[in-house]
Amino acid sequence: MTAQHAKQLVKNALYRAIGETSETLHLASNGNGTLRVLMYHKVNDTPDNPTTVSTAAFDEQLAQLQELGFRVVDLDAVIDHYTLGHPLPPKALLITFDDGYRDTLENALPVLQKHGFPAVIFVPVAYMDDHQPLPHERYLVEQGVRNPTLDWGLLRELDRGGVRVESHGIAHRPLAEMGLDEAVREIAVSKLVLEERLERSVQAYAYVKGSKAHFRPVHVSLVQQAGYDVAFTSVSGSNDEDTDPLRLRRYNVEPYAERTFELVLSGACDVIGLKDTVTGTRARRLFNEVLGTATQ
């Protein structure tokens, strides 16, 4: 068993245990007015590939969304909800992808089109048309695993196909790890570059890494000043009409078992959001170091 497989088994077991306990004690957040946002990274069938959901599992998860009565909405509906007060449908859900991997076009898009679902992808502009791997992918390349990113032509094709392209900064570095001037550039220049390339406005930003340890209130202010309408974290949990639209929460999606995925969607695992606090982020780093699955 590989370290990556062991990590996945431990996480899935933990989510299942927390979810079942929360549901038994009626602690799940089941409000009909909430928005749930799913965060995917890679959709491919490469073994031992972190942050990856297989193509078949992705198809099964989208089918499960329909079976559970979720209404997949597009980014415009989310923006209109938070800027204009337009209502969202009950059990509204937004599908997002981070990092700009090519398999979003090759593997995820056909499945999304099969189910008739829109989605959003957040890309770091420095890695579009660049053959260098993303920072957290370098150790995988050393092991012979490569996850190429999109180029500008493929990005426009994806955008036209129903996966809307928005900003994930420039160099895929957490804002908290850089000076203020560099953070301004990451936030504002990435927006300008995308708008020039796509010939339309860019309205959404996703914080790199995205836990509470990876960005600060000043960065939220910079995102607002740059003209974004909404921004997405990686903090686990659902959103309601009172959630700060520049701190929207997302569920990181993994190759969960069907029941575990149902528990996550129901809000039964929302307590796991403690892992996204500053203290929780440090604990996760230690956990990954122990298992030998730490990345940049």
C-alpha atoms as a PDB file:
ATOM      1  CA  MET A   1       0.000   0.000   0.000  1.00  0.00           C
ATOM      2  CA  THR A   2       1.391   3.405  -0.941  1.00  0.00           C
ATOM      3  CA  ALA A   3       1.535   6.354   1.453  1.00  0.00           C
ATOM      4  CA  GLN A   4      -0.970   8.210  -0.734  1.00  0.00           C
ATOM      5  CA  HIS A   5      -3.427   5.300  -0.605  1.00  0.00           C
ATOM      6  CA  ALA A   6      -3.043   5.044   3.163  1.00  0.00           C
ATOM      7  CA  LYS A   7      -3.722   8.755   3.527  1.00  0.00           C
ATOM      8  CA  GLN A   8      -6.884   8.429   1.442  1.00  0.00           C
ATOM      9  CA  LEU A   9      -8.164   5.515   3.510  1.00  0.00           C
ATOM     10  CA  VAL A  10      -7.576   7.394   6.770  1.00  0.00           C
ATOM     11  CA  LYS A  11      -9.298  10.547   5.503  1.00  0.00           C
ATOM     12  CA  ASN A  12     -12.293   8.678   4.128  1.00  0.00           C
ATOM     13  CA  ALA A  13     -12.729   6.745   7.366  1.00  0.00           C
ATOM     14  CA  LEU A  14     -12.497   9.963   9.382  1.00  0.00           C
ATOM     15  CA  TYR A  15     -15.057  11.775   7.221  1.00  0.00           C
ATOM     16  CA  ARG A  16     -17.434   8.812   7.393  1.00  0.00           C
ATOM     17  CA  ALA A  17     -17.153   8.564  11.186  1.00  0.00           C
ATOM     18  CA  ILE A  18     -17.664  12.298  11.700  1.00  0.00           C
ATOM     19  CA  GLY A  19     -20.538  12.406   9.231  1.00  0.00           C
ATOM     20  CA  GLU A  20     -22.419   9.436  10.697  1.00  0.00           C
ATOM     21  CA  THR A  21     -22.009  10.780  14.242  1.00  0.00           C
ATOM     22  CA  SER A  22     -23.130  14.258  13.236  1.00  0.00           C
ATOM     23  CA  GLU A  23     -26.188  12.926  11.438  1.00  0.00           C
ATOM     24  CA  THR A  24     -27.132  10.691  14.386  1.00  0.00           C
ATOM     25  CA  LEU A  25     -26.953  13.677  16.726  1.00  0.00           C
ATOM     26  CA  HIS A  26     -28.828  15.891  14.212  1.00  0.00           C
ATOM     27  CA  LEU A  27     -25.941  18.345  13.911  1.00  0.00           C
ATOM     28  CA  ALA A  28     -25.891  18.582  10.104  1.00  0.00           C
ATOM     29  CA  SER A  29     -26.606  21.959   8.478  1.00  0.00           C
ATOM     30  CA  ASN A  30     -29.466  21.216   6.113  1.00  0.00           C
ATOM     31  CA  GLY A  31     -30.822  24.687   5.358  1.00  0.00           C
ATOM     32  CA  ASN A  32     -32.550  24.853   1.981  1.00  0.00           C
ATOM     33  CA  GLY A  33     -31.237  28.371   1.383  1.00  0.00           C
ATOM     34  CA  THR A  34     -27.575  27.338   1.489  1.00  0.00           C
ATOM     35  CA  LEU A  35     -25.119  27.156  -1.384  1.00  0.00           C
ATOM     36  CA  ARG A  36     -22.697  24.288  -1.547  1.00  0.00           C
ATOM     37  CA  VAL A  37     -19.566  24.613  -3.676  1.00  0.00           C
ATOM     38  CA  LEU A  38     -17.512  21.592  -4.725  1.00  0.00           C
ATOM     39  CA  MET A  39     -13.781  21.946  -5.356  1.00  0.00           C
ATOM     40  CA  TYR A  40     -12.104  19.481  -7.700  1.00  0.00           C
ATOM     41  CA  HIS A  41      -8.520  19.513  -8.958  1.00  0.00           C
ATOM     42  CA  LYS A  42      -7.705  16.614 -11.290  1.00  0.00           C
ATOM     43  CA  VAL A  43     -10.000  14.151 -13.060  1.00  0.00           C
ATOM     44  CA  ASN A  44      -7.898  11.300 -14.451  1.00  0.00           C
ATOM     45  CA  ASP A  45      -7.040   7.641 -13.971  1.00  0.00           C
ATOM     46  CA  THR A  46      -3.359   7.917 -13.023  1.00  0.00           C
ATOM     47  CA  PRO A  47      -2.655   5.828  -9.882  1.00  0.00           C
ATOM     48  CA  ASP A  48      -1.241   7.448  -6.728  1.00  0.00           C
ATOM     49  CA  ASN A  49      -1.952  10.916  -8.080  1.00  0.00           C
ATOM     50  CA  PRO A  50      -2.877  13.269  -5.187  1.00  0.00           C
ATOM     51  CA  THR A  51      -5.999  15.480  -5.414  1.00  0.00           C
ATOM     52  CA  THR A  52      -7.347  13.248  -8.195  1.00  0.00           C
ATOM     53  CA  VAL A  53     -10.816  11.806  -8.763  1.00  0.00           C
ATOM     54  CA  SER A  54     -11.043   9.118 -11.431  1.00  0.00           C
ATOM     55  CA  THR A  55     -13.171   9.819 -14.502  1.00  0.00           C
ATOM     56  CA  ALA A  56     -15.629   7.066 -13.532  1.00  0.00           C
ATOM     57  CA  ALA A  57     -15.898   8.352  -9.954  1.00  0.00           C
ATOM     58  CA  PHE A  58     -16.490  11.881 -11.240  1.00  0.00           C
ATOM     59  CA  ASP A  59     -19.334  10.599 -13.430  1.00  0.00           C
ATOM     60  CA  GLU A  60     -20.815   8.703 -10.475  1.00  0.00           C
ATOM     61  CA  GLN A  61     -20.608  11.755  -8.215  1.00  0.00           C
ATOM     62  CA  LEU A  62     -22.418  13.968 -10.739  1.00  0.00           C
ATOM     63  CA  ALA A  63     -25.119  11.331 -11.111  1.00  0.00           C
ATOM     64  CA  GLN A  64     -25.418  11.213  -7.312  1.00  0.00           C
ATOM     65  CA  LEU A  65     -25.952  14.984  -7.202  1.00  0.00           C
ATOM     66  CA  GLN A  66     -29.007  14.543  -9.398  1.00  0.00           C
ATOM     67  CA  GLU A  67     -30.298  11.607  -7.363  1.00  0.00           C
ATOM     68  CA  LEU A  68     -30.022  13.657  -4.151  1.00  0.00           C
ATOM     69  CA  GLY A  69     -31.926  16.574  -5.674  1.00  0.00           C
ATOM     70  CA  PHE A  70     -29.116  19.125  -5.912  1.00  0.00           C
ATOM     71  CA  ARG A  71     -29.532  21.931  -8.434  1.00  0.00           C
ATOM     72  CA  VAL A  72     -26.230  22.714 -10.154  1.00  0.00           C
ATOM     73  CA  VAL A  73     -26.040  26.458 -10.883  1.00  0.00           C
ATOM     74  CA  ASP A  74     -23.594  28.559 -12.868  1.00  0.00           C
ATOM     75  CA  LEU A  75     -21.325  31.315 -11.594  1.00  0.00           C
ATOM     76  CA  ASP A  76     -23.660  34.073 -12.806  1.00  0.00           C
ATOM     77  CA  ALA A  77     -26.397  32.751 -10.517  1.00  0.00           C
ATOM     78  CA  VAL A  78     -24.025  32.861  -7.533  1.00  0.00           C
ATOM     79  CA  ILE A  79     -22.841  36.386  -8.383  1.00  0.00           C
ATOM     80  CA  ASP A  80     -26.407  37.618  -8.857  1.00  0.00           C
ATOM     81  CA  HIS A  81     -27.362  36.099  -5.515  1.00  0.00           C
ATOM     82  CA  TYR A  82     -24.633  37.888  -3.599  1.00  0.00           C
ATOM     83  CA  THR A  83     -24.589  41.192  -5.504  1.00  0.00           C
ATOM     84  CA  LEU A  84     -28.245  41.648  -6.482  1.00  0.00           C
ATOM     85  CA  GLY A  85     -30.064  39.508  -3.944  1.00  0.00           C
ATOM     86  CA  HIS A  86     -31.512  37.149  -6.542  1.00  0.00           C
ATOM     87  CA  PRO A  87     -32.662  33.885  -4.956  1.00  0.00           C
ATOM     88  CA  LEU A  88     -30.895  30.602  -5.560  1.00  0.00           C
ATOM     89  CA  PRO A  89     -32.897  27.396  -6.026  1.00  0.00           C
ATOM     90  CA  PRO A  90     -33.191  25.000  -3.081  1.00  0.00           C
ATOM     91  CA  LYS A  91     -30.095  22.793  -2.704  1.00  0.00           C
ATOM     92  CA  ALA A  92     -28.078  25.027  -5.034  1.00  0.00           C
ATOM     93  CA  LEU A  93     -24.608  23.736  -5.837  1.00  0.00           C
ATOM     94  CA  LEU A  94     -21.657  25.129  -7.816  1.00  0.00           C
ATOM     95  CA  ILE A  95     -18.929  22.905  -9.301  1.00  0.00           C
ATOM     96  CA  THR A  96     -15.401  24.340  -9.389  1.00  0.00           C
ATOM     97  CA  PHE A  97     -11.918  23.196 -10.403  1.00  0.00           C
ATOM     98  CA  ASP A  98      -8.576  24.627  -9.291  1.00  0.00           C
ATOM     99  CA  ASP A  99      -5.176  24.899 -10.997  1.00  0.00           C
ATOM    100  CA  GLY A 100      -5.972  24.618 -14.713  1.00  0.00           C
ATOM    101  CA  TYR A 101      -5.153  20.980 -15.409  1.00  0.00           C
ATOM    102  CA  ARG A 102      -5.614  19.767 -18.977  1.00  0.00           C
ATOM    103  CA  ASP A 103      -7.682  16.803 -17.820  1.00  0.00           C
ATOM    104  CA  THR A 104     -10.502  19.215 -16.962  1.00  0.00           C
ATOM    105  CA  LEU A 105     -10.937  19.630 -20.720  1.00  0.00           C
ATOM    106  CA  GLU A 106     -10.104  16.068 -21.727  1.00  0.00           C
ATOM    107  CA  ASN A 107     -11.922  14.114 -18.989  1.00  0.00           C
ATOM    108  CA  ALA A 108     -14.174  16.333 -16.886  1.00  0.00           C
ATOM    109  CA  LEU A 109     -15.820  18.420 -19.625  1.00  0.00           C
ATOM    110  CA  PRO A 110     -17.404  15.446 -21.483  1.00  0.00           C
ATOM    111  CA  VAL A 111     -18.879  14.183 -18.201  1.00  0.00           C
ATOM    112  CA  LEU A 112     -20.190  17.648 -17.305  1.00  0.00           C
ATOM    113  CA  GLN A 113     -21.777  17.939 -20.751  1.00  0.00           C
ATOM    114  CA  LYS A 114     -23.316  14.477 -20.378  1.00  0.00           C
ATOM    115  CA  HIS A 115     -25.100  15.637 -17.228  1.00  0.00           C
ATOM    116  CA  GLY A 116     -25.798  19.155 -18.522  1.00  0.00           C
ATOM    117  CA  PHE A 117     -23.834  20.838 -15.717  1.00  0.00           C
ATOM    118  CA  PRO A 118     -21.892  24.109 -15.887  1.00  0.00           C
ATOM    119  CA  ALA A 119     -18.696  24.599 -13.886  1.00  0.00           C
ATOM    120  CA  VAL A 120     -15.918  27.085 -13.106  1.00  0.00           C
ATOM    121  CA  ILE A 121     -12.142  26.652 -13.311  1.00  0.00           C
ATOM    122  CA  PHE A 122      -9.627  28.860 -11.502  1.00  0.00           C
ATOM    123  CA  VAL A 123      -6.254  29.085 -13.258  1.00  0.00           C
ATOM    124  CA  PRO A 124      -2.813  30.486 -12.299  1.00  0.00           C
ATOM    125  CA  VAL A 125      -1.949  32.470 -15.417  1.00  0.00           C
ATOM    126  CA  ALA A 126       1.837  31.916 -15.281  1.00  0.00           C
ATOM    127  CA  TYR A 127       1.330  28.211 -15.980  1.00  0.00           C
ATOM    128  CA  MET A 128      -0.854  28.549 -19.049  1.00  0.00           C
ATOM    129  CA  ASP A 129       1.408  27.963 -22.085  1.00  0.00           C
ATOM    130  CA  ASP A 130       4.230  27.024 -19.689  1.00  0.00           C
ATOM    131  CA  HIS A 131       5.649  23.516 -19.689  1.00  0.00           C
ATOM    132  CA  GLN A 132       6.910  23.837 -16.107  1.00  0.00           C
ATOM    133  CA  PRO A 133       4.890  21.859 -13.552  1.00  0.00           C
ATOM    134  CA  LEU A 134       2.981  23.671 -10.843  1.00  0.00           C
ATOM    135  CA  PRO A 135       5.051  24.035  -7.631  1.00  0.00           C
ATOM    136  CA  HIS A 136       3.240  21.243  -5.790  1.00  0.00           C
ATOM    137  CA  GLU A 137       3.580  18.944  -8.831  1.00  0.00           C
ATOM    138  CA  ARG A 138       7.388  18.927  -8.997  1.00  0.00           C
ATOM    139  CA  TYR A 139       7.831  15.988  -6.668  1.00  0.00           C
ATOM    140  CA  LEU A 140       5.340  13.995  -8.769  1.00  0.00           C
ATOM    141  CA  VAL A 141       7.312  14.729 -11.947  1.00  0.00           C
ATOM    142  CA  GLU A 142      10.373  13.282 -10.214  1.00  0.00           C
ATOM    143  CA  GLN A 143       8.332  10.090  -9.744  1.00  0.00           C
ATOM    144  CA  GLY A 144       7.313  10.004 -13.402  1.00  0.00           C
ATOM    145  CA  VAL A 145       3.786  11.394 -12.898  1.00  0.00           C
ATOM    146  CA  ARG A 146       2.971  14.487 -14.931  1.00  0.00           C
ATOM    147  CA  ASN A 147      -0.283  16.444 -14.880  1.00  0.00           C
ATOM    148  CA  PRO A 148      -0.012  19.024 -17.696  1.00  0.00           C
ATOM    149  CA  THR A 149      -1.836  22.331 -17.530  1.00  0.00           C
ATOM    150  CA  LEU A 150      -3.920  23.952 -20.230  1.00  0.00           C
ATOM    151  CA  ASP A 151      -2.563  26.410 -22.778  1.00  0.00           C
ATOM    152  CA  TRP A 152      -4.422  29.549 -23.823  1.00  0.00           C
ATOM    153  CA  GLY A 153      -6.042  27.939 -26.854  1.00  0.00           C
ATOM    154  CA  LEU A 154      -7.346  24.990 -24.829  1.00  0.00           C
ATOM    155  CA  LEU A 155      -8.421  27.368 -22.074  1.00  0.00           C
ATOM    156  CA  ARG A 156     -10.611  29.315 -24.482  1.00  0.00           C
ATOM    157  CA  GLU A 157     -12.027  26.018 -25.786  1.00  0.00           C
ATOM    158  CA  LEU A 158     -12.894  24.985 -22.234  1.00  0.00           C
ATOM    159  CA  ASP A 159     -14.459  28.381 -21.538  1.00  0.00           C
ATOM    160  CA  ARG A 160     -16.654  28.076 -24.642  1.00  0.00           C
ATOM    161  CA  GLY A 161     -17.572  24.495 -23.680  1.00  0.00           C
ATOM    162  CA  GLY A 162     -19.253  25.482 -20.427  1.00  0.00           C
ATOM    163  CA  VAL A 163     -16.441  25.574 -17.856  1.00  0.00           C
ATOM    164  CA  ARG A 164     -16.016  29.256 -17.087  1.00  0.00           C
ATOM    165  CA  VAL A 165     -12.424  30.427 -16.598  1.00  0.00           C
ATOM    166  CA  GLU A 166     -11.649  32.694 -13.623  1.00  0.00           C
ATOM    167  CA  SER A 167      -8.549  33.731 -11.656  1.00  0.00           C
ATOM    168  CA  HIS A 168      -6.296  31.731  -9.350  1.00  0.00           C
ATOM    169  CA  GLY A 169      -3.548  34.354  -9.311  1.00  0.00           C
ATOM    170  CA  ILE A 170      -0.302  34.207 -11.244  1.00  0.00           C
ATOM    171  CA  ALA A 171       2.313  31.919  -9.718  1.00  0.00           C
ATOM    172  CA  HIS A 172       0.230  29.590  -7.509  1.00  0.00           C
ATOM    173  CA  ARG A 173       1.620  30.929  -4.243  1.00  0.00           C
ATOM    174  CA  PRO A 174      -0.440  31.623  -1.098  1.00  0.00           C
ATOM    175  CA  LEU A 175      -0.963  35.345  -0.575  1.00  0.00           C
ATOM    176  CA  ALA A 176       0.113  35.071   3.067  1.00  0.00           C
ATOM    177  CA  GLU A 177       3.593  34.019   1.946  1.00  0.00           C
ATOM    178  CA  MET A 178       4.352  37.160  -0.080  1.00  0.00           C
ATOM    179  CA  GLY A 179       4.721  40.884   0.417  1.00  0.00           C
ATOM    180  CA  LEU A 180       1.790  43.231  -0.069  1.00  0.00           C
ATOM    181  CA  ASP A 181       3.026  44.593  -3.415  1.00  0.00           C
ATOM    182  CA  GLU A 182       3.377  41.096  -4.818  1.00  0.00           C
ATOM    183  CA  ALA A 183      -0.059  40.146  -3.506  1.00  0.00           C
ATOM    184  CA  VAL A 184      -1.564  43.156  -5.315  1.00  0.00           C
ATOM    185  CA  ARG A 185       0.079  41.945  -8.524  1.00  0.00           C
ATOM    186  CA  GLU A 186      -1.170  38.370  -8.062  1.00  0.00           C
ATOM    187  CA  ILE A 187      -4.732  39.536  -7.566  1.00  0.00           C
ATOM    188  CA  ALA A 188      -5.030  42.433 -10.011  1.00  0.00           C
ATOM    189  CA  VAL A 189      -2.674  41.511 -12.855  1.00  0.00           C
ATOM    190  CA  SER A 190      -4.023  37.977 -13.159  1.00  0.00           C
ATOM    191  CA  LYS A 191      -7.480  39.484 -13.672  1.00  0.00           C
ATOM    192  CA  LEU A 192      -6.223  41.840 -16.378  1.00  0.00           C
ATOM    193  CA  VAL A 193      -4.334  39.077 -18.206  1.00  0.00           C
ATOM    194  CA  LEU A 194      -7.359  36.784 -18.229  1.00  0.00           C
ATOM    195  CA  GLU A 195      -9.670  39.568 -19.385  1.00  0.00           C
ATOM    196  CA  GLU A 196      -7.337  40.363 -22.277  1.00  0.00           C
ATOM    197  CA  ARG A 197      -7.018  36.713 -23.300  1.00  0.00           C
ATOM    198  CA  LEU A 198     -10.706  35.832 -22.903  1.00  0.00           C
ATOM    199  CA  GLU A 199     -12.068  39.194 -24.095  1.00  0.00           C
ATOM    200  CA  ARG A 200     -14.594  39.403 -21.275  1.00  0.00           C
ATOM    201  CA  SER A 201     -14.761  40.440 -17.628  1.00  0.00           C
ATOM    202  CA  VAL A 202     -13.350  38.183 -14.922  1.00  0.00           C
ATOM    203  CA  GLN A 203     -15.420  38.304 -11.740  1.00  0.00           C
ATOM    204  CA  ALA A 204     -14.225  35.522  -9.434  1.00  0.00           C
ATOM    205  CA  TYR A 205     -11.014  34.716  -7.593  1.00  0.00           C
ATOM    206  CA  ALA A 206      -9.912  31.591  -5.725  1.00  0.00           C
ATOM    207  CA  TYR A 207      -7.295  31.924  -2.980  1.00  0.00           C
ATOM    208  CA  VAL A 208      -4.322  29.594  -3.482  1.00  0.00           C
ATOM    209  CA  LYS A 209      -4.364  26.825  -0.851  1.00  0.00           C
ATOM    210  CA  GLY A 210      -7.249  28.796   0.610  1.00  0.00           C
ATOM    211  CA  SER A 211      -7.316  27.871   4.293  1.00  0.00           C
ATOM    212  CA  LYS A 212      -7.423  30.611   6.927  1.00  0.00           C
ATOM    213  CA  ALA A 213      -3.643  30.282   7.213  1.00  0.00           C
ATOM    214  CA  HIS A 214      -3.099  31.146   3.546  1.00  0.00           C
ATOM    215  CA  PHE A 215      -4.744  34.576   3.236  1.00  0.00           C
ATOM    216  CA  ARG A 216      -5.546  37.479   5.545  1.00  0.00           C
ATOM    217  CA  PRO A 217      -8.211  40.210   5.806  1.00  0.00           C
ATOM    218  CA  VAL A 218      -5.997  42.634   3.882  1.00  0.00           C
ATOM    219  CA  HIS A 219      -5.999  40.230   0.936  1.00  0.00           C
ATOM    220  CA  VAL A 220      -9.793  40.058   0.969  1.00  0.00           C
ATOM    221  CA  SER A 221      -9.801  43.857   0.782  1.00  0.00           C
ATOM    222  CA  LEU A 222      -7.399  43.750  -2.177  1.00  0.00           C
ATOM    223  CA  VAL A 223      -9.627  41.262  -3.980  1.00  0.00           C
ATOM    224  CA  GLN A 224     -12.567  43.620  -3.543  1.00  0.00           C
ATOM    225  CA  GLN A 225     -10.549  46.641  -4.705  1.00  0.00           C
ATOM    226  CA  ALA A 226      -9.444  44.749  -7.825  1.00  0.00           C
ATOM    227  CA  GLY A 227     -13.087  44.455  -8.874  1.00  0.00           C
ATOM    228  CA  TYR A 228     -13.936  40.826  -8.175  1.00  0.00           C
ATOM    229  CA  ASP A 229     -17.549  40.121  -7.189  1.00  0.00           C
ATOM    230  CA  VAL A 230     -16.939  36.818  -5.402  1.00  0.00           C
ATOM    231  CA  ALA A 231     -13.958  34.878  -4.080  1.00  0.00           C
ATOM    232  CA  PHE A 232     -13.583  31.290  -2.957  1.00  0.00           C
ATOM    233  CA  THR A 233     -11.634  29.773  -0.088  1.00  0.00           C
ATOM    234  CA  SER A 234     -10.811  26.125   0.592  1.00  0.00           C
ATOM    235  CA  VAL A 235     -12.474  26.239   4.005  1.00  0.00           C
ATOM    236  CA  SER A 236     -14.926  23.347   4.304  1.00  0.00           C
ATOM    237  CA  GLY A 237     -18.577  24.187   4.758  1.00  0.00           C
ATOM    238  CA  SER A 238     -21.723  25.458   3.096  1.00  0.00           C
ATOM    239  CA  ASN A 239     -22.739  29.075   2.479  1.00  0.00           C
ATOM    240  CA  ASP A 240     -25.893  31.059   3.163  1.00  0.00           C
ATOM    241  CA  GLU A 241     -27.108  34.513   2.171  1.00  0.00           C
ATOM    242  CA  ASP A 242     -25.118  36.091   5.005  1.00  0.00           C
ATOM    243  CA  THR A 243     -21.791  34.522   4.027  1.00  0.00           C
ATOM    244  CA  ASP A 244     -19.155  37.044   2.944  1.00  0.00           C
ATOM    245  CA  PRO A 245     -19.125  36.695  -0.879  1.00  0.00           C
ATOM    246  CA  LEU A 246     -15.333  37.195  -0.818  1.00  0.00           C
ATOM    247  CA  ARG A 247     -14.905  34.265   1.600  1.00  0.00           C
ATOM    248  CA  LEU A 248     -17.155  31.591   0.102  1.00  0.00           C
ATOM    249  CA  ARG A 249     -16.508  28.105   1.469  1.00  0.00           C
ATOM    250  CA  ARG A 250     -15.958  24.985  -0.616  1.00  0.00           C
ATOM    251  CA  TYR A 251     -15.894  21.226  -0.094  1.00  0.00           C
ATOM    252  CA  ASN A 252     -12.700  19.613  -1.373  1.00  0.00           C
ATOM    253  CA  VAL A 253     -13.871  16.533  -3.283  1.00  0.00           C
ATOM    254  CA  GLU A 254     -11.983  13.254  -3.159  1.00  0.00           C
ATOM    255  CA  PRO A 255     -12.786   9.722  -4.397  1.00  0.00           C
ATOM    256  CA  TYR A 256     -15.300   9.252  -1.602  1.00  0.00           C
ATOM    257  CA  ALA A 257     -17.513   6.237  -1.210  1.00  0.00           C
ATOM    258  CA  GLU A 258     -21.126   6.991  -2.139  1.00  0.00           C
ATOM    259  CA  ARG A 259     -22.320   7.252   1.473  1.00  0.00           C
ATOM    260  CA  THR A 260     -19.397   9.477   2.483  1.00  0.00           C
ATOM    261  CA  PHE A 261     -20.093  11.835  -0.414  1.00  0.00           C
ATOM    262  CA  GLU A 262     -23.744  12.008   0.665  1.00  0.00           C
ATOM    263  CA  LEU A 263     -22.700  12.887   4.227  1.00  0.00           C
ATOM    264  CA  VAL A 264     -20.362  15.633   3.002  1.00  0.00           C
ATOM    265  CA  LEU A 265     -23.098  17.137   0.826  1.00  0.00           C
ATOM    266  CA  SER A 266     -25.624  17.015   3.673  1.00  0.00           C
ATOM    267  CA  GLY A 267     -23.409  19.179   5.879  1.00  0.00           C
ATOM    268  CA  ALA A 268     -22.827  16.327   8.315  1.00  0.00           C
ATOM    269  CA  CYS A 269     -19.048  16.705   7.936  1.00  0.00           C
ATOM    270  CA  ASP A 270     -18.924  20.504   8.271  1.00  0.00           C
ATOM    271  CA  VAL A 271     -17.104  20.233  11.596  1.00  0.00           C
ATOM    272  CA  ILE A 272     -14.114  19.049   9.554  1.00  0.00           C
ATOM    273  CA  GLY A 273     -13.701  22.729   8.653  1.00  0.00           C
ATOM    274  CA  LEU A 274     -11.567  22.970  11.792  1.00  0.00           C
ATOM    275  CA  LYS A 275      -8.748  21.574   9.656  1.00  0.00           C
ATOM    276  CA  ASP A 276      -8.786  24.839   7.684  1.00  0.00           C
ATOM    277  CA  THR A 277      -8.014  27.079  10.665  1.00  0.00           C
ATOM    278  CA  VAL A 278      -4.424  28.197  11.241  1.00  0.00           C
ATOM    279  CA  THR A 279      -3.949  25.518  13.900  1.00  0.00           C
ATOM    280  CA  GLY A 280      -5.675  22.909  11.768  1.00  0.00           C
ATOM    281  CA  THR A 281      -3.455  23.696   8.795  1.00  0.00           C
ATOM    282  CA  ARG A 282      -0.363  23.106  10.919  1.00  0.00           C
ATOM    283  CA  ALA A 283      -1.810  19.806  12.123  1.00  0.00           C
ATOM    284  CA  ARG A 284      -2.475  18.716   8.534  1.00  0.00           C
ATOM    285  CA  ARG A 285       1.125  19.484   7.597  1.00  0.00           C
ATOM    286  CA  LEU A 286       2.333  17.288  10.449  1.00  0.00           C
ATOM    287  CA  PHE A 287      -0.083  14.520   9.398  1.00  0.00           C
ATOM    288  CA  ASN A 288       1.284  14.603   5.834  1.00  0.00           C
ATOM    289  CA  GLU A 289       4.873  14.579   7.062  1.00  0.00           C
ATOM    290  CA  VAL A 290       4.192  11.488   9.163  1.00  0.00           C
ATOM    291  CA  LEU A 291       2.621   9.683   6.196  1.00  0.00           C
ATOM    292  CA  GLY A 292       5.278  10.911   3.776  1.00  0.00           C
ATOM    293  CA  THR A 293       2.714  12.697   1.567  1.00  0.00           C
ATOM    294  CA  ALA A 294       3.804  16.286   2.197  1.00  0.00           C
ATOM    295  CA  THR A 295       3.991  18.610  -0.810  1.00  0.00           C
ATOM    296  CA  GLN A 296       4.840  22.276  -1.298  1.00  0.00           C
END
